[in-house]
Amino acid sequence: MSNNVPTPEFFRRVDAVINLTNDQSEASSPSEAGASTLFAAARFNAFLLAKSTGTAANMTAEKERALDYFTQQFRGMMTANLDDFIANFDHYMNPEPK
C-alpha cells in the first residue's frame, strides 16, 4: 500500500481476501487459514520485488530494503487493526444478530 489514502477498490480487495480466508477457516482452523494468507502475502510481495528488479542480482541487492519496507508496512497495518479491534472489541466480537 502506498502512502496515499486507500481507495474503495483497495478495501474491496481486502474484503475479498478476508472472505476467502474466512471460507478457508471452515475447512481448517482460523489460525491455519491466517497463516496461509500471511504466507501468500509474503510470496506475492517477493514476486513483486522480483518483477520490479528484473534479475536475481538486483533482487539480492534490494532484499534488505524490501524486508525493511514490508516489515514496516505490516507493523503499521497490524498496529492500526489491533487498535481498531481494541476500540471496537464488543461490536466486532459480539455482533448483534441480524
N, C-alpha and C. Protein backbone atom coordinates (compact mmCIF):
# COMPACT_ATOMS: atom_id res chain seq x y z
N MET A 1 0.86 -1.17 0.00
CA MET A 1 0.00 0.00 0.00
C MET A 1 0.90 1.22 0.00
N SER A 2 0.60 2.17 -0.83
CA SER A 2 1.39 3.39 -0.88
C SER A 2 0.98 4.31 0.26
N ASN A 3 1.60 5.47 0.31
CA ASN A 3 1.26 6.44 1.35
C ASN A 3 -0.02 7.19 1.03
N ASN A 4 -0.63 6.89 -0.09
CA ASN A 4 -1.88 7.52 -0.47
C ASN A 4 -3.03 6.97 0.36
N VAL A 5 -4.12 7.71 0.38
CA VAL A 5 -5.32 7.25 1.06
C VAL A 5 -5.89 6.07 0.28
N PRO A 6 -6.19 4.96 0.96
CA PRO A 6 -6.74 3.80 0.26
C PRO A 6 -8.08 4.13 -0.41
N THR A 7 -8.27 3.57 -1.57
CA THR A 7 -9.49 3.79 -2.35
C THR A 7 -10.54 2.75 -1.97
N PRO A 8 -11.79 2.96 -2.36
CA PRO A 8 -12.80 1.93 -2.14
C PRO A 8 -12.42 0.59 -2.78
N GLU A 9 -11.76 0.64 -3.94
CA GLU A 9 -11.32 -0.60 -4.60
C GLU A 9 -10.32 -1.36 -3.73
N PHE A 10 -9.44 -0.62 -3.06
CA PHE A 10 -8.48 -1.24 -2.14
C PHE A 10 -9.23 -2.05 -1.08
N PHE A 11 -10.23 -1.44 -0.48
CA PHE A 11 -10.97 -2.13 0.58
C PHE A 11 -11.83 -3.27 0.05
N ARG A 12 -12.28 -3.17 -1.21
CA ARG A 12 -12.99 -4.31 -1.81
C ARG A 12 -12.05 -5.50 -1.97
N ARG A 13 -10.80 -5.24 -2.37
CA ARG A 13 -9.82 -6.33 -2.48
C ARG A 13 -9.51 -6.90 -1.10
N VAL A 14 -9.36 -6.05 -0.11
CA VAL A 14 -9.13 -6.52 1.26
C VAL A 14 -10.27 -7.42 1.70
N ASP A 15 -11.49 -6.96 1.50
CA ASP A 15 -12.66 -7.76 1.90
C ASP A 15 -12.71 -9.09 1.17
N ALA A 16 -12.32 -9.11 -0.11
CA ALA A 16 -12.33 -10.37 -0.88
C ALA A 16 -11.34 -11.36 -0.28
N VAL A 17 -10.16 -10.89 0.11
CA VAL A 17 -9.16 -11.77 0.71
C VAL A 17 -9.65 -12.26 2.08
N ILE A 18 -10.22 -11.36 2.87
CA ILE A 18 -10.76 -11.76 4.19
C ILE A 18 -11.88 -12.78 4.02
N ASN A 19 -12.77 -12.56 3.07
CA ASN A 19 -13.86 -13.52 2.83
C ASN A 19 -13.32 -14.89 2.43
N LEU A 20 -12.31 -14.91 1.57
CA LEU A 20 -11.69 -16.18 1.18
C LEU A 20 -11.06 -16.87 2.39
N THR A 21 -10.36 -16.11 3.22
CA THR A 21 -9.74 -16.68 4.41
C THR A 21 -10.81 -17.19 5.38
N ASN A 22 -11.90 -16.45 5.54
CA ASN A 22 -13.00 -16.93 6.38
C ASN A 22 -13.57 -18.24 5.84
N ASP A 23 -13.75 -18.32 4.54
CA ASP A 23 -14.23 -19.57 3.93
C ASP A 23 -13.26 -20.71 4.19
N GLN A 24 -11.98 -20.45 4.06
CA GLN A 24 -10.98 -21.49 4.29
C GLN A 24 -10.92 -21.90 5.76
N SER A 25 -11.31 -21.00 6.66
CA SER A 25 -11.33 -21.31 8.10
C SER A 25 -12.35 -22.37 8.44
N GLU A 26 -13.35 -22.54 7.59
CA GLU A 26 -14.37 -23.55 7.84
C GLU A 26 -13.83 -24.96 7.64
N ALA A 27 -12.84 -25.11 6.77
CA ALA A 27 -12.26 -26.43 6.49
C ALA A 27 -10.99 -26.68 7.28
N SER A 28 -10.47 -25.67 7.94
CA SER A 28 -9.28 -25.80 8.77
C SER A 28 -9.52 -24.96 10.01
N SER A 29 -8.47 -24.53 10.65
CA SER A 29 -8.65 -23.62 11.79
C SER A 29 -8.42 -22.19 11.32
N PRO A 30 -8.97 -21.21 12.03
CA PRO A 30 -8.68 -19.82 11.66
C PRO A 30 -7.17 -19.51 11.69
N SER A 31 -6.45 -20.12 12.62
CA SER A 31 -5.00 -19.89 12.68
C SER A 31 -4.30 -20.42 11.44
N GLU A 32 -4.70 -21.62 10.98
CA GLU A 32 -4.09 -22.18 9.76
C GLU A 32 -4.44 -21.35 8.54
N ALA A 33 -5.70 -20.92 8.44
CA ALA A 33 -6.11 -20.09 7.30
C ALA A 33 -5.37 -18.75 7.33
N GLY A 34 -5.22 -18.18 8.52
CA GLY A 34 -4.49 -16.92 8.65
C GLY A 34 -3.03 -17.06 8.28
N ALA A 35 -2.41 -18.16 8.68
CA ALA A 35 -1.01 -18.41 8.33
C ALA A 35 -0.86 -18.54 6.82
N SER A 36 -1.81 -19.22 6.18
CA SER A 36 -1.78 -19.34 4.72
C SER A 36 -1.89 -17.99 4.04
N THR A 37 -2.76 -17.13 4.56
CA THR A 37 -2.93 -15.80 3.99
C THR A 37 -1.67 -14.97 4.16
N LEU A 38 -1.05 -15.05 5.34
CA LEU A 38 0.18 -14.32 5.59
C LEU A 38 1.30 -14.81 4.66
N PHE A 39 1.40 -16.13 4.49
CA PHE A 39 2.40 -16.69 3.58
C PHE A 39 2.14 -16.24 2.15
N ALA A 40 0.87 -16.24 1.74
CA ALA A 40 0.53 -15.80 0.39
C ALA A 40 0.94 -14.34 0.17
N ALA A 41 0.72 -13.49 1.17
CA ALA A 41 1.12 -12.09 1.04
C ALA A 41 2.64 -11.98 0.89
N ALA A 42 3.37 -12.77 1.67
CA ALA A 42 4.84 -12.74 1.57
C ALA A 42 5.29 -13.23 0.20
N ARG A 43 4.68 -14.31 -0.28
CA ARG A 43 5.06 -14.85 -1.58
C ARG A 43 4.76 -13.85 -2.70
N PHE A 44 3.59 -13.22 -2.64
CA PHE A 44 3.22 -12.26 -3.68
C PHE A 44 4.16 -11.05 -3.65
N ASN A 45 4.51 -10.58 -2.46
CA ASN A 45 5.40 -9.43 -2.36
C ASN A 45 6.82 -9.79 -2.82
N ALA A 46 7.24 -11.04 -2.61
CA ALA A 46 8.53 -11.48 -3.17
C ALA A 46 8.46 -11.44 -4.70
N PHE A 47 7.34 -11.88 -5.25
CA PHE A 47 7.13 -11.79 -6.70
C PHE A 47 7.21 -10.34 -7.18
N LEU A 48 6.56 -9.43 -6.45
CA LEU A 48 6.60 -8.02 -6.85
C LEU A 48 8.04 -7.50 -6.89
N LEU A 49 8.85 -7.89 -5.89
CA LEU A 49 10.25 -7.47 -5.88
C LEU A 49 10.99 -8.07 -7.06
N ALA A 50 10.77 -9.36 -7.33
CA ALA A 50 11.43 -9.99 -8.47
C ALA A 50 11.07 -9.29 -9.77
N LYS A 51 9.79 -9.00 -9.92
CA LYS A 51 9.32 -8.34 -11.16
C LYS A 51 9.91 -6.95 -11.29
N SER A 52 9.98 -6.20 -10.19
CA SER A 52 10.45 -4.82 -10.27
C SER A 52 11.97 -4.72 -10.40
N THR A 53 12.70 -5.73 -9.93
CA THR A 53 14.16 -5.66 -10.01
C THR A 53 14.70 -6.30 -11.28
N GLY A 54 14.00 -7.30 -11.81
CA GLY A 54 14.37 -7.84 -13.10
C GLY A 54 15.41 -8.94 -13.14
N THR A 55 16.29 -8.99 -12.15
CA THR A 55 17.31 -10.05 -12.12
C THR A 55 17.51 -10.50 -10.69
N ALA A 56 18.05 -11.71 -10.54
CA ALA A 56 18.35 -12.23 -9.20
C ALA A 56 19.39 -11.35 -8.51
N ALA A 57 20.35 -10.85 -9.26
CA ALA A 57 21.39 -9.99 -8.67
C ALA A 57 20.78 -8.70 -8.14
N ASN A 58 19.91 -8.07 -8.93
CA ASN A 58 19.25 -6.85 -8.47
C ASN A 58 18.33 -7.13 -7.29
N MET A 59 17.66 -8.28 -7.35
CA MET A 59 16.78 -8.66 -6.24
C MET A 59 17.58 -8.83 -4.96
N THR A 60 18.72 -9.46 -5.06
CA THR A 60 19.60 -9.63 -3.89
C THR A 60 20.03 -8.28 -3.34
N ALA A 61 20.35 -7.36 -4.24
CA ALA A 61 20.78 -6.02 -3.81
C ALA A 61 19.66 -5.27 -3.10
N GLU A 62 18.42 -5.52 -3.46
CA GLU A 62 17.28 -4.82 -2.88
C GLU A 62 16.61 -5.58 -1.73
N LYS A 63 17.08 -6.77 -1.44
CA LYS A 63 16.41 -7.64 -0.47
C LYS A 63 16.24 -6.98 0.90
N GLU A 64 17.28 -6.44 1.48
CA GLU A 64 17.19 -5.85 2.82
C GLU A 64 16.28 -4.64 2.84
N ARG A 65 16.35 -3.82 1.80
CA ARG A 65 15.47 -2.66 1.73
C ARG A 65 14.01 -3.10 1.64
N ALA A 66 13.75 -4.14 0.85
CA ALA A 66 12.39 -4.67 0.73
C ALA A 66 11.91 -5.25 2.06
N LEU A 67 12.77 -6.00 2.73
CA LEU A 67 12.39 -6.55 4.04
C LEU A 67 12.05 -5.43 5.02
N ASP A 68 12.86 -4.39 5.04
CA ASP A 68 12.58 -3.25 5.92
C ASP A 68 11.24 -2.60 5.56
N TYR A 69 11.00 -2.38 4.27
CA TYR A 69 9.77 -1.74 3.83
C TYR A 69 8.55 -2.58 4.19
N PHE A 70 8.55 -3.86 3.81
CA PHE A 70 7.37 -4.70 4.05
C PHE A 70 7.16 -4.94 5.55
N THR A 71 8.24 -5.05 6.32
CA THR A 71 8.10 -5.20 7.77
C THR A 71 7.48 -3.95 8.38
N GLN A 72 7.94 -2.78 7.95
CA GLN A 72 7.37 -1.52 8.44
C GLN A 72 5.90 -1.40 8.05
N GLN A 73 5.58 -1.74 6.81
CA GLN A 73 4.19 -1.67 6.36
C GLN A 73 3.31 -2.61 7.17
N PHE A 74 3.76 -3.85 7.36
CA PHE A 74 2.96 -4.81 8.12
C PHE A 74 2.77 -4.33 9.55
N ARG A 75 3.82 -3.85 10.17
CA ARG A 75 3.71 -3.38 11.56
C ARG A 75 2.71 -2.24 11.66
N GLY A 76 2.76 -1.30 10.75
CA GLY A 76 1.81 -0.19 10.76
C GLY A 76 0.37 -0.65 10.57
N MET A 77 0.17 -1.57 9.62
CA MET A 77 -1.18 -2.08 9.36
C MET A 77 -1.67 -2.92 10.54
N MET A 78 -0.80 -3.72 11.11
CA MET A 78 -1.18 -4.56 12.25
C MET A 78 -1.52 -3.68 13.45
N THR A 79 -0.72 -2.66 13.70
CA THR A 79 -0.98 -1.74 14.81
C THR A 79 -2.33 -1.07 14.63
N ALA A 80 -2.62 -0.57 13.44
CA ALA A 80 -3.90 0.09 13.18
C ALA A 80 -5.07 -0.87 13.38
N ASN A 81 -4.92 -2.10 12.93
CA ASN A 81 -6.01 -3.07 13.08
C ASN A 81 -6.18 -3.53 14.52
N LEU A 82 -5.09 -3.70 15.25
CA LEU A 82 -5.21 -4.04 16.67
C LEU A 82 -5.89 -2.91 17.44
N ASP A 83 -5.49 -1.67 17.17
CA ASP A 83 -6.12 -0.53 17.83
C ASP A 83 -7.61 -0.47 17.51
N ASP A 84 -7.97 -0.75 16.26
CA ASP A 84 -9.38 -0.75 15.85
C ASP A 84 -10.15 -1.85 16.59
N PHE A 85 -9.58 -3.05 16.66
CA PHE A 85 -10.26 -4.14 17.37
C PHE A 85 -10.39 -3.85 18.86
N ILE A 86 -9.38 -3.26 19.46
CA ILE A 86 -9.44 -2.91 20.88
C ILE A 86 -10.56 -1.89 21.11
N ALA A 87 -10.62 -0.88 20.27
CA ALA A 87 -11.63 0.17 20.41
C ALA A 87 -13.04 -0.35 20.14
N ASN A 88 -13.17 -1.38 19.32
CA ASN A 88 -14.48 -1.88 18.91
C ASN A 88 -14.69 -3.34 19.27
N PHE A 89 -14.01 -3.79 20.31
CA PHE A 89 -13.99 -5.21 20.64
C PHE A 89 -15.39 -5.81 20.77
N ASP A 90 -16.22 -5.22 21.58
CA ASP A 90 -17.56 -5.79 21.79
C ASP A 90 -18.37 -5.81 20.50
N HIS A 91 -18.27 -4.78 19.72
CA HIS A 91 -19.01 -4.71 18.46
C HIS A 91 -18.54 -5.79 17.48
N TYR A 92 -17.21 -5.98 17.37
CA TYR A 92 -16.68 -6.96 16.42
C TYR A 92 -16.83 -8.40 16.90
N MET A 93 -16.65 -8.61 18.19
CA MET A 93 -16.61 -9.98 18.70
C MET A 93 -17.96 -10.48 19.19
N ASN A 94 -18.90 -9.57 19.45
CA ASN A 94 -20.25 -9.94 19.88
C ASN A 94 -21.28 -9.15 19.10
N PRO A 95 -21.29 -9.32 17.78
CA PRO A 95 -22.23 -8.52 16.98
C PRO A 95 -23.68 -8.88 17.30
N GLU A 96 -24.54 -7.89 17.13
CA GLU A 96 -25.97 -8.14 17.35
C GLU A 96 -26.48 -9.05 16.22
N PRO A 97 -27.37 -9.97 16.55
CA PRO A 97 -27.91 -10.84 15.49
C PRO A 97 -28.68 -10.02 14.46
N LYS A 98 -28.64 -10.51 13.23
CA LYS A 98 -29.35 -9.79 12.15
C LYS A 98 -30.79 -10.21 12.10
